[in-house]
Amino acid sequence: HGENLNRIAEGMALAVDERMRSERFKTELITNVSHDIKTPLTSIINYSDLICKEQPENEKVAEYAAVLLRQSERLKKLIEDLVEASKASTGSVDVLAAPCEVGVLLTQTVGEYEQRLRENDLELIAKQPETPVRIMADGRHLWRVFDNLMNNVCKYAQGGTRVYLTVEEKNGEAAISFKNTSKYPLDISADELMARFVRGDSARSTDGNGLGLSIARSLTELQNGRLELTVDGDLFKVVLYFSSI
């Protein structure tokens, strides 16, 4: 029995090692292909932008150039997100954890998104305790998580409703929650929404590639946190948990 257990353990270790090598290969492949695509894509964006700025007299030419510029920039964003999602999911990003005051990031988020939320007829309610809440995190990656989640709010929250951004601390744990009412029926599970390329609007009536939540979860886990998503009817809630210091 002992030998059988050893063989099983060795087999599992080998399978894990092969899986890790496979994931790293996929990341390298995506990164290399993306780099090769970005060079000609940058030229397309630059020349399209120049044509738009020249304001050609032919309206059709101007229209085609504007569409080309818009779609090229959208493709560039997709490529960047795809590379980031791949690297984050395999842990191929540097994490420089340091003491971070969550309230400062919350205030920055309010400032960054206040105008865009107003334009989407959304009222932001931000709450945090009087005592500063501190966690160990990489400020750049944590901001990327906040940015992705707020970007989702702006795209998918129902106009004329409130958006809640709350920071709480309990039992040595910081909880940062993002809560909003969706303007689309959420008829898929939270697990399905967390999958790559899955979007809240099945009709794809908004810009996006369905990578935002996946990137947010991977970056949160790389900082020893966890991301929990709750879907209840049209209520959409994401909570980030980190050990407080």
C-alpha atoms as a PDB file:
ATOM      1  CA  HIS A   1       0.000   0.000   0.000  1.00  0.00           C
ATOM      2  CA  GLY A   2       2.868   2.355   0.841  1.00  0.00           C
ATOM      3  CA  GLU A   3       4.392   1.955  -2.625  1.00  0.00           C
ATOM      4  CA  ASN A   4       1.015   2.559  -4.274  1.00  0.00           C
ATOM      5  CA  LEU A   5       0.530   5.745  -2.263  1.00  0.00           C
ATOM      6  CA  ASN A   6       3.998   6.935  -3.240  1.00  0.00           C
ATOM      7  CA  ARG A   7       3.267   6.282  -6.917  1.00  0.00           C
ATOM      8  CA  ILE A   8      -0.034   8.161  -6.652  1.00  0.00           C
ATOM      9  CA  ALA A   9       1.699  11.088  -4.930  1.00  0.00           C
ATOM     10  CA  GLU A  10       4.440  11.154  -7.568  1.00  0.00           C
ATOM     11  CA  GLY A  11       1.838  11.017 -10.339  1.00  0.00           C
ATOM     12  CA  MET A  12      -0.090  13.912  -8.822  1.00  0.00           C
ATOM     13  CA  ALA A  13       3.085  15.968  -8.411  1.00  0.00           C
ATOM     14  CA  LEU A  14       4.013  15.283 -12.044  1.00  0.00           C
ATOM     15  CA  ALA A  15       0.523  16.256 -13.229  1.00  0.00           C
ATOM     16  CA  VAL A  16       0.676  19.521 -11.270  1.00  0.00           C
ATOM     17  CA  ASP A  17       4.145  20.274 -12.660  1.00  0.00           C
ATOM     18  CA  GLU A  18       2.975  19.602 -16.232  1.00  0.00           C
ATOM     19  CA  ARG A  19      -0.096  21.795 -15.676  1.00  0.00           C
ATOM     20  CA  MET A  20       2.082  24.647 -14.415  1.00  0.00           C
ATOM     21  CA  ARG A  21       4.421  24.297 -17.399  1.00  0.00           C
ATOM     22  CA  SER A  22       1.413  24.275 -19.722  1.00  0.00           C
ATOM     23  CA  GLU A  23      -0.034  27.421 -18.106  1.00  0.00           C
ATOM     24  CA  ARG A  24       3.326  29.207 -18.350  1.00  0.00           C
ATOM     25  CA  PHE A  25       3.607  28.186 -22.007  1.00  0.00           C
ATOM     26  CA  LYS A  26       0.143  29.592 -22.719  1.00  0.00           C
ATOM     27  CA  THR A  27       1.063  32.838 -20.977  1.00  0.00           C
ATOM     28  CA  GLU A  28       4.292  33.161 -22.975  1.00  0.00           C
ATOM     29  CA  LEU A  29       2.453  32.352 -26.211  1.00  0.00           C
ATOM     30  CA  ILE A  30      -0.269  34.945 -25.547  1.00  0.00           C
ATOM     31  CA  THR A  31       2.329  37.550 -24.566  1.00  0.00           C
ATOM     32  CA  ASN A  32       4.473  36.960 -27.668  1.00  0.00           C
ATOM     33  CA  VAL A  33       1.556  36.888 -30.113  1.00  0.00           C
ATOM     34  CA  SER A  34       0.057  39.988 -28.494  1.00  0.00           C
ATOM     35  CA  HIS A  35       3.360  41.826 -28.852  1.00  0.00           C
ATOM     36  CA  ASP A  36       3.499  40.934 -32.559  1.00  0.00           C
ATOM     37  CA  ILE A  37      -0.084  42.124 -33.070  1.00  0.00           C
ATOM     38  CA  LYS A  38       0.335  45.392 -31.153  1.00  0.00           C
ATOM     39  CA  THR A  39       3.030  46.774 -33.480  1.00  0.00           C
ATOM     40  CA  PRO A  40       0.892  46.894 -36.665  1.00  0.00           C
ATOM     41  CA  LEU A  41      -2.177  47.728 -34.570  1.00  0.00           C
ATOM     42  CA  THR A  42      -0.444  50.826 -33.194  1.00  0.00           C
ATOM     43  CA  SER A  43       0.228  51.957 -36.777  1.00  0.00           C
ATOM     44  CA  ILE A  44      -3.453  51.476 -37.658  1.00  0.00           C
ATOM     45  CA  ILE A  45      -4.512  53.516 -34.618  1.00  0.00           C
ATOM     46  CA  ASN A  46      -2.036  56.308 -35.350  1.00  0.00           C
ATOM     47  CA  TYR A  47      -2.941  56.623 -39.044  1.00  0.00           C
ATOM     48  CA  SER A  48      -6.676  56.436 -38.305  1.00  0.00           C
ATOM     49  CA  ASP A  49      -6.251  59.177 -35.725  1.00  0.00           C
ATOM     50  CA  LEU A  50      -4.363  61.342 -38.232  1.00  0.00           C
ATOM     51  CA  ILE A  51      -7.131  60.912 -40.822  1.00  0.00           C
ATOM     52  CA  CYS A  52      -9.760  61.891 -38.237  1.00  0.00           C
ATOM     53  CA  LYS A  53      -7.788  64.987 -37.239  1.00  0.00           C
ATOM     54  CA  GLU A  54      -7.461  66.035 -40.896  1.00  0.00           C
ATOM     55  CA  GLN A  55     -11.274  66.203 -41.028  1.00  0.00           C
ATOM     56  CA  PRO A  56     -11.635  64.899 -44.602  1.00  0.00           C
ATOM     57  CA  GLU A  57     -14.329  66.538 -46.732  1.00  0.00           C
ATOM     58  CA  ASN A  58     -15.700  63.171 -47.809  1.00  0.00           C
ATOM     59  CA  GLU A  59     -18.108  62.257 -44.989  1.00  0.00           C
ATOM     60  CA  LYS A  60     -17.856  58.533 -45.712  1.00  0.00           C
ATOM     61  CA  VAL A  61     -14.064  58.605 -45.371  1.00  0.00           C
ATOM     62  CA  ALA A  62     -14.379  60.465 -42.060  1.00  0.00           C
ATOM     63  CA  GLU A  63     -16.967  57.953 -40.839  1.00  0.00           C
ATOM     64  CA  TYR A  64     -14.872  54.936 -41.862  1.00  0.00           C
ATOM     65  CA  ALA A  65     -11.753  56.392 -40.204  1.00  0.00           C
ATOM     66  CA  ALA A  66     -13.661  57.032 -36.959  1.00  0.00           C
ATOM     67  CA  VAL A  67     -15.017  53.461 -36.906  1.00  0.00           C
ATOM     68  CA  LEU A  68     -11.550  52.059 -37.677  1.00  0.00           C
ATOM     69  CA  LEU A  69      -9.997  54.110 -34.867  1.00  0.00           C
ATOM     70  CA  ARG A  70     -12.671  53.124 -32.359  1.00  0.00           C
ATOM     71  CA  GLN A  71     -12.532  49.411 -33.144  1.00  0.00           C
ATOM     72  CA  SER A  72      -8.712  49.369 -33.259  1.00  0.00           C
ATOM     73  CA  GLU A  73      -8.546  50.925 -29.795  1.00  0.00           C
ATOM     74  CA  ARG A  74     -11.087  48.377 -28.589  1.00  0.00           C
ATOM     75  CA  LEU A  75      -8.923  45.556 -29.986  1.00  0.00           C
ATOM     76  CA  LYS A  76      -5.847  47.030 -28.297  1.00  0.00           C
ATOM     77  CA  LYS A  77      -7.689  47.049 -24.945  1.00  0.00           C
ATOM     78  CA  LEU A  78      -8.749  43.435 -25.464  1.00  0.00           C
ATOM     79  CA  ILE A  79      -5.146  42.386 -26.166  1.00  0.00           C
ATOM     80  CA  GLU A  80      -3.872  44.203 -23.061  1.00  0.00           C
ATOM     81  CA  ASP A  81      -6.589  42.634 -20.888  1.00  0.00           C
ATOM     82  CA  LEU A  82      -5.946  39.178 -22.332  1.00  0.00           C
ATOM     83  CA  VAL A  83      -2.238  39.390 -21.480  1.00  0.00           C
ATOM     84  CA  GLU A  84      -3.013  40.704 -17.990  1.00  0.00           C
ATOM     85  CA  ALA A  85      -5.628  37.997 -17.352  1.00  0.00           C
ATOM     86  CA  SER A  86      -3.222  35.281 -18.470  1.00  0.00           C
ATOM     87  CA  LYS A  87      -0.353  36.579 -16.334  1.00  0.00           C
ATOM     88  CA  ALA A  88      -2.540  37.164 -13.286  1.00  0.00           C
ATOM     89  CA  SER A  89      -4.121  33.696 -13.443  1.00  0.00           C
ATOM     90  CA  THR A  90      -0.691  32.009 -13.500  1.00  0.00           C
ATOM     91  CA  GLY A  91       0.917  34.297 -10.924  1.00  0.00           C
ATOM     92  CA  SER A  92       3.318  35.715 -13.515  1.00  0.00           C
ATOM     93  CA  VAL A  93       3.155  39.249 -12.111  1.00  0.00           C
ATOM     94  CA  ASP A  94       5.312  40.904  -9.471  1.00  0.00           C
ATOM     95  CA  VAL A  95       3.544  41.644  -6.198  1.00  0.00           C
ATOM     96  CA  LEU A  96       5.167  44.210  -3.903  1.00  0.00           C
ATOM     97  CA  ALA A  97       3.022  44.098  -0.783  1.00  0.00           C
ATOM     98  CA  ALA A  98       3.185  47.032   1.632  1.00  0.00           C
ATOM     99  CA  PRO A  99       0.905  48.539   4.307  1.00  0.00           C
ATOM    100  CA  CYS A 100      -2.037  50.125   2.487  1.00  0.00           C
ATOM    101  CA  GLU A 101      -4.793  52.321   3.933  1.00  0.00           C
ATOM    102  CA  VAL A 102      -8.023  51.246   2.234  1.00  0.00           C
ATOM    103  CA  GLY A 103      -9.777  54.554   2.944  1.00  0.00           C
ATOM    104  CA  VAL A 104      -7.245  56.459   0.837  1.00  0.00           C
ATOM    105  CA  LEU A 105      -7.965  54.186  -2.121  1.00  0.00           C
ATOM    106  CA  LEU A 106     -11.709  54.556  -1.548  1.00  0.00           C
ATOM    107  CA  THR A 107     -11.393  58.362  -1.639  1.00  0.00           C
ATOM    108  CA  GLN A 108      -9.323  58.115  -4.836  1.00  0.00           C
ATOM    109  CA  THR A 109     -11.982  55.873  -6.393  1.00  0.00           C
ATOM    110  CA  VAL A 110     -14.760  58.335  -5.552  1.00  0.00           C
ATOM    111  CA  GLY A 111     -12.763  61.160  -7.144  1.00  0.00           C
ATOM    112  CA  GLU A 112     -11.930  59.157 -10.261  1.00  0.00           C
ATOM    113  CA  TYR A 113     -15.457  57.900 -10.914  1.00  0.00           C
ATOM    114  CA  GLU A 114     -17.696  60.691  -9.592  1.00  0.00           C
ATOM    115  CA  GLN A 115     -18.184  62.357 -12.987  1.00  0.00           C
ATOM    116  CA  ARG A 116     -18.686  59.117 -14.911  1.00  0.00           C
ATOM    117  CA  LEU A 117     -21.242  57.879 -12.367  1.00  0.00           C
ATOM    118  CA  ARG A 118     -23.186  61.142 -12.687  1.00  0.00           C
ATOM    119  CA  GLU A 119     -23.175  60.806 -16.470  1.00  0.00           C
ATOM    120  CA  ASN A 120     -24.744  57.352 -16.032  1.00  0.00           C
ATOM    121  CA  ASP A 121     -27.352  58.706 -13.575  1.00  0.00           C
ATOM    122  CA  LEU A 122     -25.859  56.767 -10.657  1.00  0.00           C
ATOM    123  CA  GLU A 123     -25.531  57.997  -7.077  1.00  0.00           C
ATOM    124  CA  LEU A 124     -22.464  56.745  -5.207  1.00  0.00           C
ATOM    125  CA  ILE A 125     -22.792  56.099  -1.475  1.00  0.00           C
ATOM    126  CA  ALA A 126     -19.314  55.559   0.018  1.00  0.00           C
ATOM    127  CA  LYS A 127     -18.892  54.547   3.655  1.00  0.00           C
ATOM    128  CA  GLN A 128     -15.834  53.787   5.760  1.00  0.00           C
ATOM    129  CA  PRO A 129     -15.115  53.633   9.504  1.00  0.00           C
ATOM    130  CA  GLU A 130     -13.535  56.590  11.305  1.00  0.00           C
ATOM    131  CA  THR A 131     -10.582  54.433  12.338  1.00  0.00           C
ATOM    132  CA  PRO A 132      -8.284  53.807   9.329  1.00  0.00           C
ATOM    133  CA  VAL A 133      -8.401  50.264   7.942  1.00  0.00           C
ATOM    134  CA  ARG A 134      -4.988  48.970   6.829  1.00  0.00           C
ATOM    135  CA  ILE A 135      -4.080  45.861   4.881  1.00  0.00           C
ATOM    136  CA  MET A 136      -0.980  44.411   3.232  1.00  0.00           C
ATOM    137  CA  ALA A 137      -1.368  44.821  -0.518  1.00  0.00           C
ATOM    138  CA  ASP A 138       0.289  46.021  -3.705  1.00  0.00           C
ATOM    139  CA  GLY A 139      -1.196  49.471  -4.295  1.00  0.00           C
ATOM    140  CA  ARG A 140      -0.965  49.198  -8.092  1.00  0.00           C
ATOM    141  CA  HIS A 141      -2.751  45.858  -8.276  1.00  0.00           C
ATOM    142  CA  LEU A 142      -5.338  46.821  -5.657  1.00  0.00           C
ATOM    143  CA  TRP A 143      -6.184  49.961  -7.630  1.00  0.00           C
ATOM    144  CA  ARG A 144      -6.534  47.813 -10.760  1.00  0.00           C
ATOM    145  CA  VAL A 145      -9.057  45.639  -8.889  1.00  0.00           C
ATOM    146  CA  PHE A 146     -11.023  48.730  -7.750  1.00  0.00           C
ATOM    147  CA  ASP A 147     -10.845  50.176 -11.266  1.00  0.00           C
ATOM    148  CA  ASN A 148     -12.157  46.983 -12.894  1.00  0.00           C
ATOM    149  CA  LEU A 149     -15.036  46.678 -10.437  1.00  0.00           C
ATOM    150  CA  MET A 150     -16.064  50.341 -10.759  1.00  0.00           C
ATOM    151  CA  ASN A 151     -15.802  50.104 -14.532  1.00  0.00           C
ATOM    152  CA  ASN A 152     -18.260  47.193 -14.383  1.00  0.00           C
ATOM    153  CA  VAL A 153     -20.581  49.283 -12.216  1.00  0.00           C
ATOM    154  CA  CYS A 154     -20.602  52.117 -14.750  1.00  0.00           C
ATOM    155  CA  LYS A 155     -21.340  49.717 -17.610  1.00  0.00           C
ATOM    156  CA  TYR A 156     -23.958  47.497 -16.042  1.00  0.00           C
ATOM    157  CA  ALA A 157     -25.686  49.372 -13.166  1.00  0.00           C
ATOM    158  CA  GLN A 158     -29.264  50.519 -13.683  1.00  0.00           C
ATOM    159  CA  GLY A 159     -29.537  54.286 -14.126  1.00  0.00           C
ATOM    160  CA  GLY A 160     -31.419  56.146 -11.403  1.00  0.00           C
ATOM    161  CA  THR A 161     -30.171  53.804  -8.656  1.00  0.00           C
ATOM    162  CA  ARG A 162     -27.558  53.958  -5.920  1.00  0.00           C
ATOM    163  CA  VAL A 163     -24.141  52.325  -5.944  1.00  0.00           C
ATOM    164  CA  TYR A 164     -22.672  51.362  -2.573  1.00  0.00           C
ATOM    165  CA  LEU A 165     -18.936  51.251  -1.897  1.00  0.00           C
ATOM    166  CA  THR A 166     -18.311  50.210   1.698  1.00  0.00           C
ATOM    167  CA  VAL A 167     -15.262  49.457   3.839  1.00  0.00           C
ATOM    168  CA  GLU A 168     -15.695  47.521   7.098  1.00  0.00           C
ATOM    169  CA  GLU A 169     -13.377  45.803   9.559  1.00  0.00           C
ATOM    170  CA  LYS A 170     -14.434  42.862  11.691  1.00  0.00           C
ATOM    171  CA  ASN A 171     -12.557  40.095  13.509  1.00  0.00           C
ATOM    172  CA  GLY A 172      -9.198  41.101  12.041  1.00  0.00           C
ATOM    173  CA  GLU A 173     -10.498  41.175   8.488  1.00  0.00           C
ATOM    174  CA  ALA A 174     -11.151  44.070   6.126  1.00  0.00           C
ATOM    175  CA  ALA A 175     -14.179  43.771   3.841  1.00  0.00           C
ATOM    176  CA  ILE A 176     -14.489  46.086   0.823  1.00  0.00           C
ATOM    177  CA  SER A 177     -17.857  45.762  -0.903  1.00  0.00           C
ATOM    178  CA  PHE A 178     -19.202  47.036  -4.232  1.00  0.00           C
ATOM    179  CA  LYS A 179     -22.985  46.761  -4.570  1.00  0.00           C
ATOM    180  CA  ASN A 180     -25.302  47.860  -7.366  1.00  0.00           C
ATOM    181  CA  THR A 181     -28.554  47.056  -9.157  1.00  0.00           C
ATOM    182  CA  SER A 182     -28.003  45.563 -12.604  1.00  0.00           C
ATOM    183  CA  LYS A 183     -29.822  46.920 -15.648  1.00  0.00           C
ATOM    184  CA  TYR A 184     -29.668  43.455 -17.220  1.00  0.00           C
ATOM    185  CA  PRO A 185     -31.371  40.287 -15.940  1.00  0.00           C
ATOM    186  CA  LEU A 186     -28.725  38.248 -14.104  1.00  0.00           C
ATOM    187  CA  ASP A 187     -29.949  34.822 -15.163  1.00  0.00           C
ATOM    188  CA  ILE A 188     -26.559  33.117 -14.779  1.00  0.00           C
ATOM    189  CA  SER A 189     -24.776  32.032 -11.617  1.00  0.00           C
ATOM    190  CA  ALA A 190     -22.012  33.904  -9.811  1.00  0.00           C
ATOM    191  CA  ASP A 191     -19.531  31.182 -10.837  1.00  0.00           C
ATOM    192  CA  GLU A 192     -20.458  31.634 -14.494  1.00  0.00           C
ATOM    193  CA  LEU A 193     -20.060  35.413 -14.233  1.00  0.00           C
ATOM    194  CA  MET A 194     -16.571  34.923 -12.805  1.00  0.00           C
ATOM    195  CA  ALA A 195     -15.467  32.888 -15.833  1.00  0.00           C
ATOM    196  CA  ARG A 196     -13.364  34.566 -18.514  1.00  0.00           C
ATOM    197  CA  PHE A 197     -15.177  36.210 -21.445  1.00  0.00           C
ATOM    198  CA  VAL A 198     -18.583  35.918 -19.718  1.00  0.00           C
ATOM    199  CA  ARG A 199     -20.539  39.167 -19.571  1.00  0.00           C
ATOM    200  CA  GLY A 200     -23.584  40.334 -17.648  1.00  0.00           C
ATOM    201  CA  ASP A 201     -25.374  41.475 -20.810  1.00  0.00           C
ATOM    202  CA  SER A 202     -25.908  38.476 -23.056  1.00  0.00           C
ATOM    203  CA  ALA A 203     -26.963  40.806 -25.883  1.00  0.00           C
ATOM    204  CA  ARG A 204     -23.491  42.430 -25.758  1.00  0.00           C
ATOM    205  CA  SER A 205     -24.980  45.906 -25.972  1.00  0.00           C
ATOM    206  CA  THR A 206     -22.078  47.449 -24.034  1.00  0.00           C
ATOM    207  CA  ASP A 207     -18.347  47.600 -24.711  1.00  0.00           C
ATOM    208  CA  GLY A 208     -16.320  45.035 -22.818  1.00  0.00           C
ATOM    209  CA  ASN A 209     -14.684  41.641 -23.124  1.00  0.00           C
ATOM    210  CA  GLY A 210     -15.748  39.820 -19.974  1.00  0.00           C
ATOM    211  CA  LEU A 211     -12.239  39.741 -18.485  1.00  0.00           C
ATOM    212  CA  GLY A 212     -12.657  42.399 -15.783  1.00  0.00           C
ATOM    213  CA  LEU A 213     -13.956  40.173 -12.986  1.00  0.00           C
ATOM    214  CA  SER A 214     -11.508  37.382 -13.790  1.00  0.00           C
ATOM    215  CA  ILE A 215      -8.565  39.802 -13.608  1.00  0.00           C
ATOM    216  CA  ALA A 216      -9.910  41.331 -10.378  1.00  0.00           C
ATOM    217  CA  ARG A 217     -10.205  37.918  -8.721  1.00  0.00           C
ATOM    218  CA  SER A 218      -6.738  36.752  -9.823  1.00  0.00           C
ATOM    219  CA  LEU A 219      -5.066  39.983  -8.663  1.00  0.00           C
ATOM    220  CA  THR A 220      -6.924  39.828  -5.334  1.00  0.00           C
ATOM    221  CA  GLU A 221      -5.797  36.247  -4.716  1.00  0.00           C
ATOM    222  CA  LEU A 222      -2.192  37.112  -5.635  1.00  0.00           C
ATOM    223  CA  GLN A 223      -2.294  39.607  -2.740  1.00  0.00           C
ATOM    224  CA  ASN A 224      -3.522  36.893  -0.334  1.00  0.00           C
ATOM    225  CA  GLY A 225      -7.067  38.216  -0.439  1.00  0.00           C
ATOM    226  CA  ARG A 226     -10.257  36.678  -1.729  1.00  0.00           C
ATOM    227  CA  LEU A 227     -13.069  37.951  -3.923  1.00  0.00           C
ATOM    228  CA  GLU A 228     -16.644  36.798  -3.381  1.00  0.00           C
ATOM    229  CA  LEU A 229     -19.449  37.527  -5.832  1.00  0.00           C
ATOM    230  CA  THR A 230     -23.142  37.395  -4.924  1.00  0.00           C
ATOM    231  CA  VAL A 231     -26.003  37.574  -7.416  1.00  0.00           C
ATOM    232  CA  ASP A 232     -29.566  37.858  -6.101  1.00  0.00           C
ATOM    233  CA  GLY A 233     -32.166  38.813  -8.695  1.00  0.00           C
ATOM    234  CA  ASP A 234     -30.885  42.084 -10.123  1.00  0.00           C
ATOM    235  CA  LEU A 235     -28.605  42.735  -7.119  1.00  0.00           C
ATOM    236  CA  PHE A 236     -24.893  42.447  -7.928  1.00  0.00           C
ATOM    237  CA  LYS A 237     -22.405  42.476  -5.049  1.00  0.00           C
ATOM    238  CA  VAL A 238     -18.654  41.920  -4.935  1.00  0.00           C
ATOM    239  CA  VAL A 239     -16.763  41.776  -1.630  1.00  0.00           C
ATOM    240  CA  LEU A 240     -12.976  41.807  -1.279  1.00  0.00           C
ATOM    241  CA  TYR A 241     -11.557  40.310   1.910  1.00  0.00           C
ATOM    242  CA  PHE A 242      -8.059  40.974   3.257  1.00  0.00           C
ATOM    243  CA  SER A 243      -6.444  40.403   6.646  1.00  0.00           C
ATOM    244  CA  SER A 244      -6.223  43.759   8.401  1.00  0.00           C
ATOM    245  CA  ILE A 245      -3.015  44.912  10.102  1.00  0.00           C
END
